[in-house]
Protein backbone atom coordinates (compact mmCIF):
# COMPACT_ATOMS: atom_id res chain seq x y z
CA MET A 1 136.56 80.69 71.45
CA LEU A 2 139.96 82.29 72.59
CA GLY A 3 142.37 79.04 73.02
CA ASN A 4 145.87 78.60 75.27
CA THR A 5 147.95 77.96 71.99
CA TYR A 6 149.54 80.55 70.50
CA PRO A 7 151.18 79.55 67.00
CA ASN A 8 152.60 82.86 66.02
CA ALA A 9 153.52 84.20 70.01
CA SER A 10 157.19 83.42 71.60
CA ILE A 11 157.08 81.64 74.53
CA ARG A 12 160.12 82.47 77.07
CA GLY A 13 159.93 80.64 80.38
CA GLY A 14 156.70 80.73 81.90
CA ALA A 15 155.48 83.98 79.48
CA ALA A 16 154.61 84.64 76.15
CA THR A 17 154.90 87.61 73.71
CA THR A 18 153.35 88.22 70.35
CA PRO A 19 155.08 90.30 67.33
CA PRO A 20 154.12 93.62 67.12
CA VAL A 21 150.83 94.19 65.52
CA GLN A 22 149.87 97.57 63.17
CA GLY A 23 146.15 98.41 63.97
CA ARG A 24 143.30 98.96 61.27
CA THR A 25 142.88 102.13 59.90
CA LEU A 26 139.91 103.79 60.57
CA GLN A 27 138.59 106.80 59.84
CA ILE A 28 134.77 108.22 60.01
CA GLY A 29 133.92 111.51 58.60
CA GLY A 30 136.29 114.38 59.11
CA GLY A 31 136.55 114.35 62.77
CA PHE A 32 137.68 110.75 64.24
CA SER A 33 140.60 108.70 62.85
CA ALA A 34 141.91 105.92 64.09
CA SER A 35 143.99 102.97 64.90
CA SER A 36 141.62 99.87 65.67
CA PHE A 37 143.27 96.67 67.52
CA ASP A 38 141.10 93.27 67.69
CA HIS A 39 141.48 90.53 70.07
CA GLU A 40 141.91 88.02 67.14
CA SER A 41 145.52 89.65 66.16
CA PHE A 42 146.96 88.95 69.25
CA GLU A 43 147.23 85.24 70.16
CA GLY A 44 144.43 85.02 72.52
CA LEU A 45 147.33 87.22 74.75
CA MET A 46 145.13 90.35 74.79
CA ASP A 47 142.09 88.67 76.96
CA PRO A 48 140.65 90.91 78.79
CA LEU A 49 140.68 92.79 76.57
CA VAL A 50 138.23 92.85 73.11
CA MET A 51 139.44 95.71 71.11
CA VAL A 52 141.34 98.90 71.37
CA ASP A 53 140.76 102.01 69.14
CA HIS A 54 143.88 104.76 69.45
CA PHE A 55 141.84 107.43 67.97
CA THR A 56 142.26 111.59 67.71
CA MET A 57 138.40 113.04 67.89
CA THR A 58 137.49 116.62 66.83
CA GLU A 59 133.57 116.47 66.30
CA PRO A 60 130.96 114.01 67.51
CA THR A 61 130.68 110.93 65.72
CA PHE A 62 128.62 108.25 67.00
CA GLY A 63 125.78 109.84 68.99
CA ALA A 64 124.19 108.38 71.91
CA HIS A 65 125.20 103.98 71.50
CA PRO A 66 124.52 101.25 73.74
CA HIS A 67 126.60 98.46 75.41
CA ALA A 68 126.29 95.16 76.97
CA GLY A 69 128.65 92.70 78.43
CA MET A 70 131.43 94.38 78.61
CA SER A 71 133.17 97.41 80.10
CA ALA A 72 133.51 100.83 77.67
CA VAL A 73 136.92 102.53 79.12
CA SER A 74 138.04 105.88 77.84
CA ILE A 75 141.57 106.84 78.57
CA LEU A 76 142.63 110.45 77.76
CA PHE A 77 146.31 111.19 77.00
CA GLU A 78 147.40 114.60 78.66
CA ASP A 79 148.07 116.23 75.21
CA SER A 80 144.20 116.47 74.30
CA THR A 81 142.92 119.95 74.48
CA GLY A 82 139.61 120.90 75.88
CA PHE A 83 136.87 118.66 77.10
CA PHE A 84 135.37 115.42 75.68
CA HIS A 85 131.72 115.51 76.86
CA ASN A 86 130.55 112.26 78.44
CA ARG A 87 127.00 111.15 78.88
CA ASP A 88 125.42 107.74 79.66
CA SER A 89 122.04 106.58 81.15
CA LEU A 90 123.14 106.29 84.78
CA GLY A 91 122.75 109.50 85.02
CA ASN A 92 126.20 110.95 84.89
CA ASP A 93 127.06 113.71 82.82
CA ILE A 94 130.93 115.04 82.68
CA ASP A 95 133.65 116.88 81.22
CA LEU A 96 136.66 114.35 80.80
CA GLY A 97 139.70 116.88 80.55
CA PRO A 98 143.11 115.97 79.49
CA GLY A 99 144.42 112.65 81.02
CA ASP A 100 141.16 111.75 82.40
CA LEU A 101 139.79 108.40 82.76
CA TYR A 102 136.44 107.15 82.60
CA TRP A 103 134.93 103.11 82.69
CA LEU A 104 131.59 102.44 82.26
CA LYS A 105 130.75 98.85 83.26
CA ALA A 106 127.64 98.15 80.89
CA GLY A 107 126.96 94.93 82.56
CA GLY A 108 123.23 94.17 81.35
CA GLY A 109 122.83 97.26 79.77
CA ALA A 110 123.69 100.79 79.43
CA VAL A 111 123.66 104.02 76.94
CA HIS A 112 127.08 106.03 76.31
CA ASP A 113 127.99 109.14 74.39
CA GLU A 114 131.12 110.57 74.57
CA LYS A 115 131.97 113.90 72.09
CA PRO A 116 134.43 116.56 71.98
CA ARG A 117 133.04 119.70 72.88
CA PRO A 118 132.88 122.40 70.34
CA GLY A 119 137.21 123.35 69.30
CA SER A 120 138.19 120.06 71.46
CA ARG A 121 140.81 118.03 70.14
CA THR A 122 140.71 114.25 72.04
CA HIS A 123 143.88 112.34 71.68
CA ALA A 124 142.73 108.66 73.58
CA LEU A 125 142.41 105.51 73.69
CA GLN A 126 138.69 103.93 73.88
CA VAL A 127 139.17 99.88 74.93
CA PHE A 128 136.13 97.10 75.20
CA VAL A 129 137.39 95.16 78.46
CA ASN A 130 135.44 91.75 78.37
CA LEU A 131 133.14 90.62 81.48
CA PRO A 132 133.45 86.73 82.41
CA GLY A 133 129.67 84.80 81.74
CA ARG A 134 129.09 85.15 85.30
CA ARG A 135 128.62 89.04 85.55
CA LYS A 136 127.42 89.80 81.88
CA GLN A 137 124.06 90.57 83.52
CA ASP A 138 125.37 93.10 86.33
CA ALA A 139 123.94 96.21 87.21
CA PRO A 140 125.74 99.23 85.46
CA ALA A 141 128.09 100.87 87.22
CA ALA A 142 130.42 103.78 86.39
CA LEU A 143 134.22 105.50 87.82
CA HIS A 144 135.76 109.10 86.47
CA VAL A 145 139.30 108.92 87.70
CA PRO A 146 140.13 112.96 87.15
CA ALA A 147 143.84 112.70 85.92
CA VAL A 148 145.07 115.15 89.08
CA GLU A 149 143.79 112.24 91.05
CA MET A 150 146.00 109.53 89.26
CA PRO A 151 149.44 109.03 91.33
CA ALA A 152 152.83 109.30 89.48
CA LEU A 153 155.93 107.51 89.20
CA ARG A 154 158.88 109.40 88.82
CA GLY A 155 162.71 108.06 88.33
CA ASP A 156 165.72 108.85 86.28
CA GLY A 157 164.33 108.87 82.78
CA PHE A 158 160.64 108.34 83.30
CA ARG A 159 157.56 109.47 84.40
CA VAL A 160 154.04 106.54 84.74
CA ARG A 161 151.01 107.88 85.66
CA VAL A 162 148.85 104.98 87.49
CA LEU A 163 145.63 105.37 85.86
CA LEU A 164 144.27 102.21 87.54
CA GLY A 165 145.78 99.40 89.84
CA ALA A 166 149.28 99.18 90.75
CA SER A 167 152.83 99.49 90.09
CA ASN A 168 155.99 99.80 91.79
CA GLY A 169 154.27 99.74 95.11
CA VAL A 170 151.93 102.63 94.22
CA GLU A 171 148.49 101.96 93.66
CA GLY A 172 145.66 104.03 91.72
CA ALA A 173 141.99 103.91 91.79
CA SER A 174 140.09 100.61 91.17
CA SER A 175 138.04 99.41 88.38
CA PRO A 176 134.28 98.74 88.89
CA ALA A 177 134.73 95.73 87.11
CA LEU A 178 137.63 92.95 87.13
CA PRO A 179 140.84 94.16 88.98
CA PHE A 180 143.16 96.23 86.24
CA THR A 181 145.90 97.95 85.66
CA GLY A 182 146.69 100.74 83.42
CA LEU A 183 150.18 102.75 83.00
CA ASP A 184 150.90 105.62 80.97
CA VAL A 185 154.66 105.92 80.47
CA HIS A 186 156.68 108.27 79.70
CA LEU A 187 160.17 107.39 78.60
CA GLU A 188 162.67 110.32 78.12
CA ARG A 189 166.28 109.65 76.20
CA GLY A 190 167.69 106.86 76.94
CA GLY A 191 164.76 106.05 79.56
CA GLU A 192 163.70 102.77 81.15
CA PHE A 193 161.05 101.73 83.83
CA VAL A 194 160.22 98.08 84.85
CA HIS A 195 156.99 96.89 85.47
CA GLU A 196 156.21 93.63 87.49
CA MET A 197 153.56 91.60 85.80
CA ARG A 198 151.10 90.08 88.53
CA ALA A 199 151.67 85.99 87.90
CA ASP A 200 149.04 84.69 84.81
CA ALA A 201 148.12 88.08 84.18
CA ASP A 202 147.84 89.55 80.14
CA ALA A 203 149.10 93.06 79.23
CA TRP A 204 148.91 94.84 76.06
CA LEU A 205 151.69 97.49 74.78
CA LEU A 206 151.27 100.43 72.74
CA ALA A 207 153.72 102.56 71.43
CA VAL A 208 151.56 105.95 71.25
CA ASP A 209 154.46 107.98 70.16
CA GLY A 210 158.54 107.09 69.56
CA ASP A 211 159.83 103.41 69.41
CA ALA A 212 160.92 101.10 71.98
CA GLU A 213 162.17 97.83 73.29
CA VAL A 214 160.07 95.77 75.21
CA ALA A 215 162.27 93.28 77.10
CA VAL A 216 160.47 90.12 78.78
CA GLU A 217 162.12 86.75 80.39
CA GLY A 218 165.42 87.83 78.94
CA SER A 219 164.23 88.81 75.57
CA THR A 220 163.38 91.95 73.83
CA THR A 221 161.38 92.94 71.04
CA ARG A 222 161.40 96.28 69.14
CA LEU A 223 158.39 98.29 69.22
CA ARG A 224 158.03 100.79 67.08
CA GLN A 225 155.58 103.60 66.97
CA GLY A 226 151.91 102.79 66.45
CA LEU A 227 152.22 99.42 66.82
CA ALA A 228 151.37 97.57 69.86
CA MET A 229 152.17 93.61 71.21
CA ALA A 230 150.64 91.31 74.29
CA VAL A 231 152.72 89.66 77.07
CA ARG A 232 151.45 86.86 78.92
CA SER A 233 153.15 86.68 82.41
CA GLY A 234 153.89 82.97 83.43
CA ARG A 235 152.83 81.30 87.10
CA SER A 236 155.18 83.93 88.77
CA ALA A 237 155.45 87.64 88.47
CA THR A 238 157.45 88.70 84.90
CA ALA A 239 159.23 91.85 84.92
CA LEU A 240 158.33 93.66 81.58
CA ALA A 241 161.13 96.49 80.85
CA MET A 242 160.32 99.38 78.70
CA ARG A 243 163.24 101.29 77.17
CA THR A 244 164.44 103.79 74.56
CA GLU A 245 166.60 105.61 73.09
CA ALA A 246 165.17 108.80 71.33
CA GLY A 247 162.42 108.99 73.92
CA ALA A 248 158.80 107.50 73.68
CA HIS A 249 155.27 107.34 75.15
CA LEU A 250 153.89 103.60 75.79
CA ALA A 251 150.36 102.57 77.44
CA LEU A 252 149.86 99.60 79.06
CA LEU A 253 147.26 97.79 80.07
CA GLU A 254 147.09 94.66 82.22
CA GLY A 255 144.42 92.14 83.48
CA ALA A 256 143.54 88.67 84.71
CA PRO A 257 142.83 86.63 81.38
CA ILE A 258 139.16 85.15 81.34
CA ARG A 259 139.63 82.72 78.74
CA GLU A 260 136.02 82.46 77.95
CA SER A 261 134.25 81.85 74.65
CA PHE A 262 132.28 85.10 73.83
CA ILE A 263 130.36 86.67 70.77
CA GLN A 264 130.83 90.33 69.97
CA GLU A 265 128.36 92.61 67.58
CA GLY A 266 129.34 95.77 67.73
CA PRO A 267 128.91 97.37 71.12
CA PHE A 268 127.68 93.74 72.37
CA VAL A 269 130.14 91.56 73.94
CA MET A 270 128.08 88.72 75.10
CA ALA A 271 128.46 84.52 75.96
CA ASN A 272 126.53 82.97 72.96
CA SER A 273 124.31 83.85 69.82
CA GLN A 274 121.47 83.57 72.44
CA GLU A 275 122.36 86.39 74.75
CA LEU A 276 123.36 88.39 71.95
CA ARG A 277 119.86 88.31 70.55
CA ALA A 278 118.59 88.93 73.56
CA VAL A 279 119.70 92.15 74.03
CA VAL A 280 119.92 93.47 70.77
CA ALA A 281 116.27 92.96 71.36
CA ALA A 282 116.23 94.42 74.77
CA HIS A 283 117.85 97.72 72.92
CA ALA A 284 115.42 97.93 70.76
CA ALA A 285 112.41 97.50 73.17
CA GLY A 286 114.25 100.49 75.14
CA GLU A 287 115.40 98.56 78.16
CA LEU A 288 118.99 99.73 78.10
CA GLY A 289 118.14 103.14 79.05
CA SER A 290 118.45 106.02 77.24
CA ILE A 291 120.17 109.77 77.68
CA ASP A 292 117.63 112.60 78.28
């Protein structure tokens, strides 16, 4: 169970932050490499996220696979080339382009397959977002947000794509599951951007490229390239400031923590072992759907 005490987190006013975390290196074949971040490394402050893979893929790697009890979210960065072919058992067959987002709320179960088209290079985040126990059997649903439909914040030294949710009064698309904000933050040399977290929310930040400083409640953490950290706001909205000297690219994901126990086995995130056994059996029986 994810607890509410954080022995290694820094508590500042009503907010809490974790130290920067290095992801686990993951290499599969010659076409997939990732830095993988797991919720257990973030002192419970990563909730509702279960895991995030920061990956580059140039060849088909996983094949069709099931999901249940959670949402699988693909966030493509703008430096991707070509197309990322997405299919699922809901009947969707979409080529994701650079900068696109695809949210598959698996709920009670869905089958999914994503792979780069020949000659393509996909640079992205694969995010597993938990669902509360009462919604783990929801009917599957999906959302595709093309890059051209994402609003952007622009100012002195920054450009921020609003992937989902809202920041600084600019609203993007809404997730098909829980309220969620995703920001793709680009800072120029000497740039600074401030995002106001909602009260009682968790945020996860990754330094995709370059180094940055992250200031929360008057205290600053140095976030070096490739590292991630988590932040929990207090009982009121919390200003989260990102700044850099030499330029940086960051990803910020924010949601309301679920604060429920769960069990994960691969692509399944269920409330308990009984639910896990049931969904594994349902997949084996072909009940989670298929991709023709």
